[in-house]
PDB file of N, CA and C in Angstrom:
ATOM      1  N   MET A   1     104.652 129.283 183.029  1.00  0.00           N
ATOM      2  CA  MET A   1     103.348 129.520 183.606  1.00  0.00           C
ATOM      3  C   MET A   1     103.014 130.988 183.385  1.00  0.00           C
ATOM      4  N   SER A   2     101.835 131.216 182.889  1.00  0.00           N
ATOM      5  CA  SER A   2     101.419 132.596 182.637  1.00  0.00           C
ATOM      6  C   SER A   2     101.135 133.316 183.958  1.00  0.00           C
ATOM      7  N   ILE A   3     101.221 134.617 183.911  1.00  0.00           N
ATOM      8  CA  ILE A   3     100.915 135.424 185.092  1.00  0.00           C
ATOM      9  C   ILE A   3      99.471 135.191 185.521  1.00  0.00           C
ATOM     10  N   GLU A   4      98.581 135.053 184.551  1.00  0.00           N
ATOM     11  CA  GLU A   4      97.170 134.831 184.858  1.00  0.00           C
ATOM     12  C   GLU A   4      96.959 133.512 185.596  1.00  0.00           C
ATOM     13  N   TYR A   5      97.666 132.466 185.159  1.00  0.00           N
ATOM     14  CA  TYR A   5      97.509 131.161 185.814  1.00  0.00           C
ATOM     15  C   TYR A   5      98.066 131.213 187.232  1.00  0.00           C
ATOM     16  N   ARG A   6      99.183 131.893 187.410  1.00  0.00           N
ATOM     17  CA  ARG A   6      99.754 132.028 188.754  1.00  0.00           C
ATOM     18  C   ARG A   6      98.790 132.785 189.665  1.00  0.00           C
ATOM     19  N   GLN A   7      98.185 133.850 189.150  1.00  0.00           N
ATOM     20  CA  GLN A   7      97.211 134.604 189.937  1.00  0.00           C
ATOM     21  C   GLN A   7      96.016 133.731 190.301  1.00  0.00           C
ATOM     22  N   LYS A   8      95.611 132.890 189.373  1.00  0.00           N
ATOM     23  CA  LYS A   8      94.496 131.976 189.634  1.00  0.00           C
ATOM     24  C   LYS A   8      94.840 131.017 190.776  1.00  0.00           C
ATOM     25  N   ILE A   9      96.059 130.488 190.767  1.00  0.00           N
ATOM     26  CA  ILE A   9      96.502 129.607 191.848  1.00  0.00           C
ATOM     27  C   ILE A   9      96.541 130.369 193.168  1.00  0.00           C
ATOM     28  N   ASP A  10      97.127 131.570 193.164  1.00  0.00           N
ATOM     29  CA  ASP A  10      97.191 132.390 194.377  1.00  0.00           C
ATOM     30  C   ASP A  10      95.791 132.641 194.938  1.00  0.00           C
ATOM     31  N   GLU A  11      94.860 133.016 194.092  1.00  0.00           N
ATOM     32  CA  GLU A  11      93.486 133.282 194.529  1.00  0.00           C
ATOM     33  C   GLU A  11      92.840 132.033 195.105  1.00  0.00           C
ATOM     34  N   HIS A  12      93.040 130.906 194.451  1.00  0.00           N
ATOM     35  CA  HIS A  12      92.456 129.646 194.915  1.00  0.00           C
ATOM     36  C   HIS A  12      93.025 129.271 196.285  1.00  0.00           C
ATOM     37  N   LEU A  13      94.332 129.377 196.457  1.00  0.00           N
ATOM     38  CA  LEU A  13      94.948 129.044 197.738  1.00  0.00           C
ATOM     39  C   LEU A  13      94.495 129.997 198.833  1.00  0.00           C
ATOM     40  N   ARG A  14      94.397 131.277 198.531  1.00  0.00           N
ATOM     41  CA  ARG A  14      93.936 132.262 199.514  1.00  0.00           C
ATOM     42  C   ARG A  14      92.503 131.952 199.936  1.00  0.00           C
ATOM     43  N   LYS A  15      91.665 131.604 198.981  1.00  0.00           N
ATOM     44  CA  LYS A  15      90.266 131.264 199.278  1.00  0.00           C
ATOM     45  C   LYS A  15      90.177 130.003 200.135  1.00  0.00           C
ATOM     46  N   GLU A  16      90.982 129.005 199.827  1.00  0.00           N
ATOM     47  CA  GLU A  16      90.924 127.723 200.523  1.00  0.00           C
ATOM     48  C   GLU A  16      91.564 127.747 201.903  1.00  0.00           C
ATOM     49  N   PHE A  17      92.683 128.485 202.059  1.00  0.00           N
ATOM     50  CA  PHE A  17      93.463 128.391 203.283  1.00  0.00           C
ATOM     51  C   PHE A  17      93.612 129.697 204.050  1.00  0.00           C
ATOM     52  N   GLY A  18      93.212 130.807 203.473  1.00  0.00           N
ATOM     53  CA  GLY A  18      93.302 132.079 204.157  1.00  0.00           C
ATOM     54  C   GLY A  18      94.672 132.732 204.038  1.00  0.00           C
ATOM     55  N   SER A  19      94.757 133.928 204.557  1.00  0.00           N
ATOM     56  CA  SER A  19      95.986 134.706 204.400  1.00  0.00           C
ATOM     57  C   SER A  19      97.065 134.352 205.412  1.00  0.00           C
ATOM     58  N   SER A  20      96.736 133.570 206.441  1.00  0.00           N
ATOM     59  CA  SER A  20      97.744 133.217 207.446  1.00  0.00           C
ATOM     60  C   SER A  20      98.644 132.069 206.996  1.00  0.00           C
ATOM     61  N   VAL A  21      98.248 131.378 205.939  1.00  0.00           N
ATOM     62  CA  VAL A  21      99.033 130.272 205.394  1.00  0.00           C
ATOM     63  C   VAL A  21      99.961 130.826 204.320  1.00  0.00           C
ATOM     64  N   LYS A  22     101.197 130.341 204.310  1.00  0.00           N
ATOM     65  CA  LYS A  22     102.165 130.791 203.306  1.00  0.00           C
ATOM     66  C   LYS A  22     102.334 129.722 202.247  1.00  0.00           C
ATOM     67  N   TRP A  23     102.594 130.148 201.029  1.00  0.00           N
ATOM     68  CA  TRP A  23     102.872 129.193 199.966  1.00  0.00           C
ATOM     69  C   TRP A  23     103.930 129.741 199.033  1.00  0.00           C
ATOM     70  N   ASN A  24     104.604 128.807 198.378  1.00  0.00           N
ATOM     71  CA  ASN A  24     105.635 129.135 197.417  1.00  0.00           C
ATOM     72  C   ASN A  24     105.287 128.401 196.127  1.00  0.00           C
ATOM     73  N   ILE A  25     105.249 129.123 195.026  1.00  0.00           N
ATOM     74  CA  ILE A  25     104.928 128.539 193.720  1.00  0.00           C
ATOM     75  C   ILE A  25     106.155 128.677 192.828  1.00  0.00           C
ATOM     76  N   ARG A  26     106.613 127.553 192.300  1.00  0.00           N
ATOM     77  CA  ARG A  26     107.738 127.566 191.358  1.00  0.00           C
ATOM     78  C   ARG A  26     107.262 126.964 190.047  1.00  0.00           C
ATOM     79  N   SER A  27     107.649 127.591 188.969  1.00  0.00           N
ATOM     80  CA  SER A  27     107.319 127.040 187.654  1.00  0.00           C
ATOM     81  C   SER A  27     108.610 126.704 186.919  1.00  0.00           C
ATOM     82  N   PHE A  28     108.519 125.742 186.031  1.00  0.00           N
ATOM     83  CA  PHE A  28     109.681 125.257 185.302  1.00  0.00           C
ATOM     84  C   PHE A  28     109.442 125.392 183.808  1.00  0.00           C
ATOM     85  N   ASP A  29     110.524 125.411 183.041  1.00  0.00           N
ATOM     86  CA  ASP A  29     110.427 125.546 181.589  1.00  0.00           C
ATOM     87  C   ASP A  29     109.567 124.454 180.962  1.00  0.00           C
ATOM     88  N   SER A  30     109.495 123.301 181.603  1.00  0.00           N
ATOM     89  CA  SER A  30     108.708 122.181 181.079  1.00  0.00           C
ATOM     90  C   SER A  30     107.203 122.428 181.191  1.00  0.00           C
ATOM     91  N   GLY A  31     106.822 123.443 181.982  1.00  0.00           N
ATOM     92  CA  GLY A  31     105.408 123.711 182.241  1.00  0.00           C
ATOM     93  C   GLY A  31     104.957 123.173 183.582  1.00  0.00           C
ATOM     94  N   SER A  32     105.809 122.392 184.228  1.00  0.00           N
ATOM     95  CA  SER A  32     105.476 121.842 185.543  1.00  0.00           C
ATOM     96  C   SER A  32     105.474 122.938 186.605  1.00  0.00           C
ATOM     97  N   ILE A  33     104.688 122.690 187.641  1.00  0.00           N
ATOM     98  CA  ILE A  33     104.549 123.642 188.735  1.00  0.00           C
ATOM     99  C   ILE A  33     104.758 122.898 190.051  1.00  0.00           C
ATOM    100  N   ALA A  34     105.526 123.490 190.958  1.00  0.00           N
ATOM    101  CA  ALA A  34     105.744 122.939 192.296  1.00  0.00           C
ATOM    102  C   ALA A  34     105.235 123.952 193.313  1.00  0.00           C
ATOM    103  N   ILE A  35     104.383 123.485 194.209  1.00  0.00           N
ATOM    104  CA  ILE A  35     103.798 124.370 195.220  1.00  0.00           C
ATOM    105  C   ILE A  35     104.052 123.760 196.593  1.00  0.00           C
ATOM    106  N   THR A  36     104.545 124.577 197.500  1.00  0.00           N
ATOM    107  CA  THR A  36     104.682 124.178 198.894  1.00  0.00           C
ATOM    108  C   THR A  36     103.786 125.092 199.715  1.00  0.00           C
ATOM    109  N   ILE A  37     102.917 124.488 200.506  1.00  0.00           N
ATOM    110  CA  ILE A  37     102.003 125.238 201.373  1.00  0.00           C
ATOM    111  C   ILE A  37     102.454 124.996 202.808  1.00  0.00           C
ATOM    112  N   GLN A  38     102.695 126.085 203.550  1.00  0.00           N
ATOM    113  CA  GLN A  38     103.152 125.970 204.923  1.00  0.00           C
ATOM    114  C   GLN A  38     102.164 126.655 205.854  1.00  0.00           C
ATOM    115  N   ALA A  39     101.707 125.893 206.839  1.00  0.00           N
ATOM    116  CA  ALA A  39     100.807 126.415 207.857  1.00  0.00           C
ATOM    117  C   ALA A  39     101.340 125.971 209.214  1.00  0.00           C
ATOM    118  N   PRO A  40     100.866 126.559 210.293  1.00  0.00           N
ATOM    119  CA  PRO A  40     101.331 126.122 211.611  1.00  0.00           C
ATOM    120  C   PRO A  40     101.057 124.633 211.877  1.00  0.00           C
ATOM    121  N   SER A  41     100.000 124.099 211.308  1.00  0.00           N
ATOM    122  CA  SER A  41      99.615 122.719 211.614  1.00  0.00           C
ATOM    123  C   SER A  41      99.928 121.695 210.528  1.00  0.00           C
ATOM    124  N   PHE A  42     100.415 122.129 209.374  1.00  0.00           N
ATOM    125  CA  PHE A  42     100.713 121.183 208.307  1.00  0.00           C
ATOM    126  C   PHE A  42     101.608 121.806 207.243  1.00  0.00           C
ATOM    127  N   VAL A  43     102.196 120.919 206.444  1.00  0.00           N
ATOM    128  CA  VAL A  43     102.921 121.301 205.228  1.00  0.00           C
ATOM    129  C   VAL A  43     102.386 120.412 204.123  1.00  0.00           C
ATOM    130  N   ALA A  44     102.083 121.001 202.988  1.00  0.00           N
ATOM    131  CA  ALA A  44     101.616 120.230 201.836  1.00  0.00           C
ATOM    132  C   ALA A  44     102.491 120.551 200.637  1.00  0.00           C
ATOM    133  N   VAL A  45     102.737 119.527 199.838  1.00  0.00           N
ATOM    134  CA  VAL A  45     103.558 119.674 198.641  1.00  0.00           C
ATOM    135  C   VAL A  45     102.735 119.199 197.454  1.00  0.00           C
ATOM    136  N   LEU A  46     102.644 120.030 196.421  1.00  0.00           N
ATOM    137  CA  LEU A  46     101.914 119.682 195.199  1.00  0.00           C
ATOM    138  C   LEU A  46     102.838 119.861 194.010  1.00  0.00           C
ATOM    139  N   ASP A  47     102.802 118.920 193.096  1.00  0.00           N
ATOM    140  CA  ASP A  47     103.556 119.021 191.851  1.00  0.00           C
ATOM    141  C   ASP A  47     102.635 118.630 190.712  1.00  0.00           C
ATOM    142  N   GLY A  48     102.611 119.438 189.659  1.00  0.00           N
ATOM    143  CA  GLY A  48     101.745 119.108 188.541  1.00  0.00           C
ATOM    144  C   GLY A  48     101.935 120.038 187.377  1.00  0.00           C
ATOM    145  N   ALA A  49     100.932 120.031 186.509  1.00  0.00           N
ATOM    146  CA  ALA A  49     100.922 120.880 185.331  1.00  0.00           C
ATOM    147  C   ALA A  49      99.497 121.364 185.113  1.00  0.00           C
ATOM    148  N   PRO A  50      99.333 122.542 184.532  1.00  0.00           N
ATOM    149  CA  PRO A  50      97.984 123.094 184.356  1.00  0.00           C
ATOM    150  C   PRO A  50      96.997 122.133 183.703  1.00  0.00           C
ATOM    151  N   GLU A  51      97.427 121.409 182.729  1.00  0.00           N
ATOM    152  CA  GLU A  51      96.517 120.498 182.019  1.00  0.00           C
ATOM    153  C   GLU A  51      96.843 119.036 182.291  1.00  0.00           C
ATOM    154  N   GLY A  52      97.476 118.757 183.438  1.00  0.00           N
ATOM    155  CA  GLY A  52      97.891 117.395 183.709  1.00  0.00           C
ATOM    156  C   GLY A  52      97.553 116.956 185.122  1.00  0.00           C
ATOM    157  N   GLU A  53      98.127 115.836 185.507  1.00  0.00           N
ATOM    158  CA  GLU A  53      97.911 115.293 186.838  1.00  0.00           C
ATOM    159  C   GLU A  53      98.677 116.097 187.883  1.00  0.00           C
ATOM    160  N   TRP A  54      98.206 115.964 189.132  1.00  0.00           N
ATOM    161  CA  TRP A  54      98.848 116.625 190.261  1.00  0.00           C
ATOM    162  C   TRP A  54      99.157 115.593 191.329  1.00  0.00           C
ATOM    163  N   GLY A  55     100.396 115.609 191.818  1.00  0.00           N
ATOM    164  CA  GLY A  55     100.765 114.803 192.968  1.00  0.00           C
ATOM    165  C   GLY A  55     100.638 115.666 194.203  1.00  0.00           C
ATOM    166  N   VAL A  56     100.162 115.059 195.287  1.00  0.00           N
ATOM    167  CA  VAL A  56      99.989 115.824 196.525  1.00  0.00           C
ATOM    168  C   VAL A  56     100.374 114.962 197.721  1.00  0.00           C
ATOM    169  N   SER A  57     101.109 115.581 198.633  1.00  0.00           N
ATOM    170  CA  SER A  57     101.485 114.941 199.890  1.00  0.00           C
ATOM    171  C   SER A  57     101.287 115.946 201.015  1.00  0.00           C
ATOM    172  N   VAL A  58     100.735 115.473 202.123  1.00  0.00           N
ATOM    173  CA  VAL A  58     100.549 116.312 203.309  1.00  0.00           C
ATOM    174  C   VAL A  58     101.488 115.787 204.386  1.00  0.00           C
ATOM    175  N   ASP A  59     102.278 116.685 204.941  1.00  0.00           N
ATOM    176  CA  ASP A  59     103.271 116.348 205.949  1.00  0.00           C
ATOM    177  C   ASP A  59     104.138 115.167 205.533  1.00  0.00           C
ATOM    178  N   PRO A  60     104.782 115.275 204.375  1.00  0.00           N
ATOM    179  CA  PRO A  60     105.628 114.159 203.940  1.00  0.00           C
ATOM    180  C   PRO A  60     106.835 113.990 204.871  1.00  0.00           C
ATOM    181  N   ASP A  61     107.167 112.747 205.116  1.00  0.00           N
ATOM    182  CA  ASP A  61     108.319 112.434 205.934  1.00  0.00           C
ATOM    183  C   ASP A  61     109.587 112.704 205.131  1.00  0.00           C
ATOM    184  N   GLU A  62     110.610 113.194 205.782  1.00  0.00           N
ATOM    185  CA  GLU A  62     111.855 113.509 205.085  1.00  0.00           C
ATOM    186  C   GLU A  62     112.434 112.291 204.371  1.00  0.00           C
ATOM    187  N   SER A  63     112.221 111.110 204.921  1.00  0.00           N
ATOM    188  CA  SER A  63     112.759 109.899 204.300  1.00  0.00           C
ATOM    189  C   SER A  63     112.034 109.544 203.003  1.00  0.00           C
ATOM    190  N   GLU A  64     110.891 110.181 202.751  1.00  0.00           N
ATOM    191  CA  GLU A  64     110.116 109.933 201.532  1.00  0.00           C
ATOM    192  C   GLU A  64     110.376 110.993 200.464  1.00  0.00           C
ATOM    193  N   ALA A  65     111.402 111.780 200.629  1.00  0.00           N
ATOM    194  CA  ALA A  65     111.631 112.953 199.792  1.00  0.00           C
ATOM    195  C   ALA A  65     111.591 112.678 198.294  1.00  0.00           C
ATOM    196  N   PHE A  66     112.101 111.568 197.851  1.00  0.00           N
ATOM    197  CA  PHE A  66     112.155 111.311 196.409  1.00  0.00           C
ATOM    198  C   PHE A  66     111.429 110.029 196.032  1.00  0.00           C
ATOM    199  N   THR A  67     110.411 109.680 196.795  1.00  0.00           N
ATOM    200  CA  THR A  67     109.692 108.434 196.528  1.00  0.00           C
ATOM    201  C   THR A  67     108.354 108.653 195.840  1.00  0.00           C
ATOM    202  N   GLY A  68     108.024 109.866 195.509  1.00  0.00           N
ATOM    203  CA  GLY A  68     106.737 110.164 194.879  1.00  0.00           C
ATOM    204  C   GLY A  68     105.734 110.658 195.910  1.00  0.00           C
ATOM    205  N   HIS A  69     104.600 111.078 195.415  1.00  0.00           N
ATOM    206  CA  HIS A  69     103.566 111.648 196.288  1.00  0.00           C
ATOM    207  C   HIS A  69     102.655 110.583 196.853  1.00  0.00           C
ATOM    208  N   HIS A  70     102.000 110.947 197.957  1.00  0.00           N
ATOM    209  CA  HIS A  70     101.026 110.050 198.579  1.00  0.00           C
ATOM    210  C   HIS A  70      99.842 109.801 197.654  1.00  0.00           C
ATOM    211  N   ASP A  71      99.397 110.833 196.955  1.00  0.00           N
ATOM    212  CA  ASP A  71      98.231 110.750 196.070  1.00  0.00           C
ATOM    213  C   ASP A  71      98.529 111.438 194.748  1.00  0.00           C
ATOM    214  N   VAL A  72      97.926 110.934 193.686  1.00  0.00           N
ATOM    215  CA  VAL A  72      97.986 111.568 192.367  1.00  0.00           C
ATOM    216  C   VAL A  72      96.559 111.696 191.871  1.00  0.00           C
ATOM    217  N   VAL A  73      96.193 112.913 191.460  1.00  0.00           N
ATOM    218  CA  VAL A  73      94.823 113.195 191.029  1.00  0.00           C
ATOM    219  C   VAL A  73      94.838 113.924 189.690  1.00  0.00           C
ATOM    220  N   GLU A  74      93.672 114.080 189.118  1.00  0.00           N
ATOM    221  CA  GLU A  74      93.538 114.629 187.770  1.00  0.00           C
ATOM    222  C   GLU A  74      93.595 116.150 187.667  1.00  0.00           C
ATOM    223  N   SER A  75      93.391 116.862 188.794  1.00  0.00           N
ATOM    224  CA  SER A  75      93.337 118.320 188.694  1.00  0.00           C
ATOM    225  C   SER A  75      93.870 118.990 189.959  1.00  0.00           C
ATOM    226  N   PHE A  76      94.189 120.254 189.835  1.00  0.00           N
ATOM    227  CA  PHE A  76      94.632 121.069 190.968  1.00  0.00           C
ATOM    228  C   PHE A  76      93.554 121.110 192.043  1.00  0.00           C
ATOM    229  N   SER A  77      92.295 121.271 191.648  1.00  0.00           N
ATOM    230  CA  SER A  77      91.194 121.321 192.618  1.00  0.00           C
ATOM    231  C   SER A  77      91.094 120.027 193.416  1.00  0.00           C
ATOM    232  N   GLU A  78      91.283 118.902 192.744  1.00  0.00           N
ATOM    233  CA  GLU A  78      91.253 117.611 193.445  1.00  0.00           C
ATOM    234  C   GLU A  78      92.415 117.506 194.429  1.00  0.00           C
ATOM    235  N   ALA A  79      93.561 118.056 194.064  1.00  0.00           N
ATOM    236  CA  ALA A  79      94.713 118.043 194.970  1.00  0.00           C
ATOM    237  C   ALA A  79      94.396 118.834 196.240  1.00  0.00           C
ATOM    238  N   ILE A  80      93.744 119.969 196.097  1.00  0.00           N
ATOM    239  CA  ILE A  80      93.334 120.769 197.253  1.00  0.00           C
ATOM    240  C   ILE A  80      92.334 119.989 198.095  1.00  0.00           C
ATOM    241  N   ASP A  81      91.413 119.277 197.447  1.00  0.00           N
ATOM    242  CA  ASP A  81      90.441 118.446 198.172  1.00  0.00           C
ATOM    243  C   ASP A  81      91.143 117.375 199.009  1.00  0.00           C
ATOM    244  N   ILE A  82      92.211 116.786 198.464  1.00  0.00           N
ATOM    245  CA  ILE A  82      92.984 115.776 199.189  1.00  0.00           C
ATOM    246  C   ILE A  82      93.592 116.388 200.457  1.00  0.00           C
ATOM    247  N   ILE A  83      94.110 117.598 200.350  1.00  0.00           N
ATOM    248  CA  ILE A  83      94.678 118.271 201.514  1.00  0.00           C
ATOM    249  C   ILE A  83      93.608 118.439 202.587  1.00  0.00           C
ATOM    250  N   HIS A  84      92.445 118.959 202.204  1.00  0.00           N
ATOM    251  CA  HIS A  84      91.353 119.147 203.172  1.00  0.00           C
ATOM    252  C   HIS A  84      90.920 117.812 203.782  1.00  0.00           C
ATOM    253  N   ALA A  85      90.779 116.782 202.974  1.00  0.00           N
ATOM    254  CA  ALA A  85      90.349 115.477 203.476  1.00  0.00           C
ATOM    255  C   ALA A  85      91.366 114.916 204.466  1.00  0.00           C
ATOM    256  N   THR A  86      92.644 115.071 204.159  1.00  0.00           N
ATOM    257  CA  THR A  86      93.690 114.593 205.062  1.00  0.00           C
ATOM    258  C   THR A  86      93.647 115.348 206.387  1.00  0.00           C
ATOM    259  N   LEU A  87      93.483 116.650 206.322  1.00  0.00           N
ATOM    260  CA  LEU A  87      93.433 117.451 207.545  1.00  0.00           C
ATOM    261  C   LEU A  87      92.181 117.143 208.354  1.00  0.00           C
ATOM    262  N   ASN A  88      91.067 116.858 207.702  1.00  0.00           N
ATOM    263  CA  ASN A  88      89.817 116.543 208.403  1.00  0.00           C
ATOM    264  C   ASN A  88      89.866 115.186 209.099  1.00  0.00           C
ATOM    265  N   GLN A  89      90.768 114.314 208.672  1.00  0.00           N
ATOM    266  CA  GLN A  89      90.902 113.000 209.299  1.00  0.00           C
ATOM    267  C   GLN A  89      91.716 113.043 210.593  1.00  0.00           C
ATOM    268  N   ARG A  90      92.289 114.151 210.883  1.00  0.00           N
ATOM    269  CA  ARG A  90      93.135 114.272 212.089  1.00  0.00           C
ATOM    270  C   ARG A  90      92.301 114.488 213.328  1.00  0.00           C
TER     271      ARG A  90
END
């Protein structure tokens, strides 16, 4: 993952969730990216690739650790939308 792409993700997350939310971004040699977002009221996990699909889960149960994501979408922005939609349903 390029430094520019990582900065883009950081900026997007800061804009969407503010500075009080923490996140961890890991990149892999394959080009895949794993993001964990931690807030007082939720945890979200995103896995994807810059030009590929993104899996997203909000507050995944520990027993679901290796069963795949709750939702799979076409873009990082859509994954963020899923997080907001899930939180708005609470």
